[in-house]
Amino acid sequence: MVVKIMKREEQIKKIARYFSVLSNEIDHLNSLNLYDINIVAETFFAHLLNLIFDLNLVNINNIAKNATAIDLVDKAKVYVFKLLLRILLEKSRKQ
């Protein structure tokens, strides 16, 4: 039992590290006005949320380029998600 708990803790820490790397990568690339990683990240999170919540999300940007206000959509279950980047939130707070 203790081994399972320790393994789970290792897995959670590993996932947290990967999310941290992804977040930093997005921040750095966006600061250089390189935004293609955002589309990749949106698609990644669509797949992740599909697995976790049994959804069928698709990246709306694959259907309509630069769709306003929505990033991910599940038409069958009527779910929509907007993914916000921290750098954009910080910019809007400064204005």
N, C-alpha and C. Protein backbone atom coordinates (compact mmCIF):
# COMPACT_ATOMS: atom_id res chain seq x y z
N MET A 1 0.83 -1.20 0.00
CA MET A 1 0.00 0.00 0.00
C MET A 1 0.87 1.26 0.00
N VAL A 2 1.90 1.28 0.83
CA VAL A 2 2.78 2.44 0.91
C VAL A 2 3.51 2.65 -0.43
N VAL A 3 3.87 1.55 -1.09
CA VAL A 3 4.55 1.65 -2.39
C VAL A 3 3.63 2.29 -3.42
N LYS A 4 2.36 1.92 -3.42
CA LYS A 4 1.39 2.51 -4.35
C LYS A 4 1.25 4.01 -4.12
N ILE A 5 1.19 4.40 -2.85
CA ILE A 5 1.05 5.82 -2.52
C ILE A 5 2.29 6.59 -2.97
N MET A 6 3.47 6.02 -2.75
CA MET A 6 4.69 6.69 -3.16
C MET A 6 4.78 6.78 -4.69
N LYS A 7 4.35 5.74 -5.38
CA LYS A 7 4.36 5.76 -6.83
C LYS A 7 3.39 6.81 -7.35
N ARG A 8 2.21 6.89 -6.73
CA ARG A 8 1.22 7.91 -7.14
C ARG A 8 1.79 9.31 -6.92
N GLU A 9 2.46 9.51 -5.78
CA GLU A 9 3.06 10.82 -5.51
C GLU A 9 4.10 11.16 -6.57
N GLU A 10 4.93 10.19 -6.96
CA GLU A 10 5.93 10.40 -8.00
C GLU A 10 5.25 10.77 -9.32
N GLN A 11 4.18 10.09 -9.65
CA GLN A 11 3.47 10.36 -10.89
C GLN A 11 2.86 11.75 -10.89
N ILE A 12 2.26 12.15 -9.78
CA ILE A 12 1.67 13.48 -9.67
C ILE A 12 2.74 14.56 -9.81
N LYS A 13 3.89 14.35 -9.16
CA LYS A 13 4.99 15.32 -9.26
C LYS A 13 5.52 15.39 -10.69
N LYS A 14 5.57 14.26 -11.37
CA LYS A 14 6.04 14.23 -12.75
C LYS A 14 5.07 14.99 -13.66
N ILE A 15 3.79 14.78 -13.47
CA ILE A 15 2.77 15.51 -14.24
C ILE A 15 2.88 17.00 -13.97
N ALA A 16 3.05 17.38 -12.72
CA ALA A 16 3.19 18.80 -12.36
C ALA A 16 4.41 19.41 -13.03
N ARG A 17 5.52 18.67 -13.08
CA ARG A 17 6.72 19.16 -13.77
C ARG A 17 6.46 19.37 -15.25
N TYR A 18 5.78 18.42 -15.89
CA TYR A 18 5.48 18.55 -17.31
C TYR A 18 4.59 19.76 -17.59
N PHE A 19 3.58 19.97 -16.73
CA PHE A 19 2.72 21.15 -16.91
C PHE A 19 3.51 22.43 -16.70
N SER A 20 4.43 22.42 -15.77
CA SER A 20 5.27 23.58 -15.52
C SER A 20 6.15 23.88 -16.73
N VAL A 21 6.74 22.86 -17.32
CA VAL A 21 7.56 23.03 -18.52
C VAL A 21 6.71 23.57 -19.66
N LEU A 22 5.52 23.00 -19.85
CA LEU A 22 4.62 23.46 -20.90
C LEU A 22 4.25 24.93 -20.69
N SER A 23 3.91 25.29 -19.47
CA SER A 23 3.54 26.66 -19.15
C SER A 23 4.69 27.63 -19.44
N ASN A 24 5.89 27.26 -19.02
CA ASN A 24 7.06 28.11 -19.27
C ASN A 24 7.36 28.23 -20.76
N GLU A 25 7.23 27.12 -21.47
CA GLU A 25 7.48 27.13 -22.91
C GLU A 25 6.49 28.07 -23.62
N ILE A 26 5.23 27.98 -23.24
CA ILE A 26 4.21 28.86 -23.82
C ILE A 26 4.52 30.32 -23.51
N ASP A 27 4.85 30.61 -22.26
CA ASP A 27 5.19 31.99 -21.87
C ASP A 27 6.36 32.52 -22.68
N HIS A 28 7.42 31.74 -22.79
CA HIS A 28 8.61 32.20 -23.51
C HIS A 28 8.33 32.41 -24.99
N LEU A 29 7.68 31.45 -25.62
CA LEU A 29 7.41 31.58 -27.05
C LEU A 29 6.45 32.74 -27.33
N ASN A 30 5.44 32.89 -26.49
CA ASN A 30 4.50 34.00 -26.68
C ASN A 30 5.19 35.35 -26.49
N SER A 31 6.16 35.43 -25.58
CA SER A 31 6.88 36.69 -25.39
C SER A 31 7.69 37.06 -26.63
N LEU A 32 7.95 36.07 -27.49
CA LEU A 32 8.66 36.30 -28.75
C LEU A 32 7.69 36.43 -29.92
N ASN A 33 6.40 36.58 -29.59
CA ASN A 33 5.34 36.66 -30.60
C ASN A 33 5.22 35.40 -31.45
N LEU A 34 5.56 34.27 -30.87
CA LEU A 34 5.40 32.97 -31.52
C LEU A 34 4.21 32.27 -30.86
N TYR A 35 3.08 32.25 -31.55
CA TYR A 35 1.84 31.78 -30.94
C TYR A 35 1.37 30.41 -31.43
N ASP A 36 2.12 29.76 -32.30
CA ASP A 36 1.68 28.47 -32.81
C ASP A 36 1.58 27.41 -31.70
N ILE A 37 2.37 27.56 -30.66
CA ILE A 37 2.30 26.63 -29.52
C ILE A 37 0.92 26.65 -28.87
N ASN A 38 0.22 27.78 -28.97
CA ASN A 38 -1.11 27.89 -28.37
C ASN A 38 -2.09 26.91 -29.01
N ILE A 39 -2.02 26.76 -30.33
CA ILE A 39 -2.90 25.82 -31.03
C ILE A 39 -2.57 24.40 -30.60
N VAL A 40 -1.28 24.11 -30.52
CA VAL A 40 -0.84 22.78 -30.09
C VAL A 40 -1.33 22.51 -28.66
N ALA A 41 -1.18 23.50 -27.78
CA ALA A 41 -1.61 23.34 -26.39
C ALA A 41 -3.12 23.18 -26.29
N GLU A 42 -3.87 23.93 -27.08
CA GLU A 42 -5.33 23.81 -27.06
C GLU A 42 -5.75 22.40 -27.47
N THR A 43 -5.11 21.87 -28.49
CA THR A 43 -5.43 20.51 -28.94
C THR A 43 -5.05 19.49 -27.88
N PHE A 44 -3.88 19.68 -27.25
CA PHE A 44 -3.46 18.80 -26.16
C PHE A 44 -4.49 18.80 -25.03
N PHE A 45 -4.92 19.99 -24.61
CA PHE A 45 -5.89 20.06 -23.52
C PHE A 45 -7.25 19.52 -23.92
N ALA A 46 -7.60 19.64 -25.18
CA ALA A 46 -8.85 19.02 -25.65
C ALA A 46 -8.78 17.51 -25.44
N HIS A 47 -7.67 16.91 -25.85
CA HIS A 47 -7.51 15.46 -25.68
C HIS A 47 -7.49 15.07 -24.20
N LEU A 48 -6.79 15.85 -23.40
CA LEU A 48 -6.71 15.56 -21.96
C LEU A 48 -8.09 15.65 -21.30
N LEU A 49 -8.82 16.73 -21.57
CA LEU A 49 -10.16 16.89 -20.99
C LEU A 49 -11.12 15.82 -21.51
N ASN A 50 -10.94 15.40 -22.76
CA ASN A 50 -11.77 14.32 -23.30
C ASN A 50 -11.57 13.04 -22.50
N LEU A 51 -10.32 12.74 -22.18
CA LEU A 51 -10.02 11.53 -21.40
C LEU A 51 -10.57 11.63 -19.98
N ILE A 52 -10.37 12.77 -19.36
CA ILE A 52 -10.76 12.92 -17.95
C ILE A 52 -12.28 12.97 -17.78
N PHE A 53 -12.96 13.72 -18.64
CA PHE A 53 -14.38 13.98 -18.45
C PHE A 53 -15.30 13.30 -19.46
N ASP A 54 -14.75 12.39 -20.26
CA ASP A 54 -15.54 11.67 -21.26
C ASP A 54 -16.29 12.63 -22.18
N LEU A 55 -15.53 13.57 -22.73
CA LEU A 55 -16.08 14.55 -23.66
C LEU A 55 -15.60 14.25 -25.07
N ASN A 56 -16.04 15.04 -26.01
CA ASN A 56 -15.59 14.93 -27.39
C ASN A 56 -15.21 16.34 -27.89
N LEU A 57 -14.32 16.97 -27.14
CA LEU A 57 -13.91 18.34 -27.47
C LEU A 57 -13.02 18.35 -28.70
N VAL A 58 -13.21 19.37 -29.52
CA VAL A 58 -12.33 19.61 -30.65
C VAL A 58 -11.86 21.05 -30.57
N ASN A 59 -10.69 21.29 -31.11
CA ASN A 59 -10.15 22.65 -31.15
C ASN A 59 -10.89 23.40 -32.25
N ILE A 60 -11.65 24.41 -31.87
CA ILE A 60 -12.48 25.16 -32.82
C ILE A 60 -11.62 25.85 -33.88
N ASN A 61 -10.36 26.13 -33.55
CA ASN A 61 -9.47 26.77 -34.52
C ASN A 61 -9.17 25.86 -35.71
N ASN A 62 -9.38 24.56 -35.55
CA ASN A 62 -9.23 23.64 -36.68
C ASN A 62 -10.42 23.75 -37.64
N ILE A 63 -11.52 24.31 -37.15
CA ILE A 63 -12.73 24.46 -37.96
C ILE A 63 -12.84 25.90 -38.48
N ALA A 64 -12.68 26.86 -37.58
CA ALA A 64 -12.77 28.29 -37.94
C ALA A 64 -11.54 28.99 -37.37
N LYS A 65 -10.65 29.43 -38.21
CA LYS A 65 -9.41 30.08 -37.77
C LYS A 65 -9.69 31.29 -36.89
N ASN A 66 -8.96 31.38 -35.78
CA ASN A 66 -9.08 32.50 -34.84
C ASN A 66 -10.52 32.74 -34.39
N ALA A 67 -11.20 31.66 -34.04
CA ALA A 67 -12.58 31.78 -33.57
C ALA A 67 -12.63 32.68 -32.32
N THR A 68 -13.61 33.51 -32.26
CA THR A 68 -13.75 34.46 -31.16
C THR A 68 -14.39 33.79 -29.95
N ALA A 69 -13.78 33.98 -28.79
CA ALA A 69 -14.33 33.63 -27.49
C ALA A 69 -14.35 32.14 -27.15
N ILE A 70 -14.13 31.25 -28.10
CA ILE A 70 -14.18 29.82 -27.82
C ILE A 70 -12.94 29.15 -28.39
N ASP A 71 -12.35 28.23 -27.61
CA ASP A 71 -11.21 27.46 -28.09
C ASP A 71 -11.57 26.01 -28.35
N LEU A 72 -12.31 25.42 -27.42
CA LEU A 72 -12.66 24.01 -27.52
C LEU A 72 -14.17 23.85 -27.46
N VAL A 73 -14.71 22.93 -28.24
CA VAL A 73 -16.16 22.74 -28.26
C VAL A 73 -16.49 21.25 -28.35
N ASP A 74 -17.52 20.86 -27.62
CA ASP A 74 -18.12 19.53 -27.74
C ASP A 74 -19.57 19.77 -28.12
N LYS A 75 -19.88 19.63 -29.39
CA LYS A 75 -21.21 19.96 -29.89
C LYS A 75 -22.27 19.00 -29.36
N ALA A 76 -21.92 17.74 -29.18
CA ALA A 76 -22.89 16.74 -28.73
C ALA A 76 -23.35 17.01 -27.29
N LYS A 77 -22.42 17.37 -26.42
CA LYS A 77 -22.75 17.59 -25.01
C LYS A 77 -22.86 19.07 -24.68
N VAL A 78 -22.70 19.91 -25.65
CA VAL A 78 -22.81 21.36 -25.54
C VAL A 78 -21.90 21.93 -24.45
N TYR A 79 -20.62 21.63 -24.58
CA TYR A 79 -19.60 22.20 -23.71
C TYR A 79 -18.69 23.07 -24.56
N VAL A 80 -18.30 24.21 -24.02
CA VAL A 80 -17.30 25.04 -24.67
C VAL A 80 -16.28 25.48 -23.62
N PHE A 81 -15.05 25.65 -24.04
CA PHE A 81 -13.98 26.07 -23.15
C PHE A 81 -13.21 27.21 -23.81
N LYS A 82 -12.77 28.13 -22.98
CA LYS A 82 -11.86 29.19 -23.41
C LYS A 82 -10.59 29.03 -22.58
N LEU A 83 -9.47 28.79 -23.23
CA LEU A 83 -8.20 28.65 -22.55
C LEU A 83 -7.50 30.00 -22.57
N LEU A 84 -7.13 30.49 -21.42
CA LEU A 84 -6.48 31.79 -21.33
C LEU A 84 -5.02 31.62 -20.96
N LEU A 85 -4.20 32.40 -21.57
CA LEU A 85 -2.79 32.39 -21.24
C LEU A 85 -2.50 33.45 -20.20
N ARG A 86 -1.64 33.11 -19.27
CA ARG A 86 -1.30 34.01 -18.19
C ARG A 86 -0.73 35.32 -18.72
N ILE A 87 0.06 35.29 -19.76
CA ILE A 87 0.68 36.51 -20.29
C ILE A 87 -0.38 37.50 -20.77
N LEU A 88 -1.47 37.00 -21.35
CA LEU A 88 -2.55 37.88 -21.80
C LEU A 88 -3.27 38.49 -20.61
N LEU A 89 -3.47 37.71 -19.56
CA LEU A 89 -4.13 38.23 -18.38
C LEU A 89 -3.29 39.32 -17.72
N GLU A 90 -1.98 39.10 -17.67
CA GLU A 90 -1.10 40.10 -17.07
C GLU A 90 -1.12 41.40 -17.87
N LYS A 91 -1.14 41.29 -19.19
CA LYS A 91 -1.19 42.49 -20.04
C LYS A 91 -2.47 43.27 -19.81
N SER A 92 -3.61 42.58 -19.69
CA SER A 92 -4.87 43.28 -19.51
C SER A 92 -4.95 43.96 -18.13
N ARG A 93 -4.29 43.39 -17.14
CA ARG A 93 -4.28 44.01 -15.81
C ARG A 93 -3.46 45.30 -15.79
N LYS A 94 -2.41 45.34 -16.62
CA LYS A 94 -1.55 46.52 -16.66
C LYS A 94 -2.19 47.70 -17.37
N GLN A 95 -3.16 47.44 -18.22
CA GLN A 95 -3.79 48.52 -19.00
C GLN A 95 -4.76 49.32 -18.21
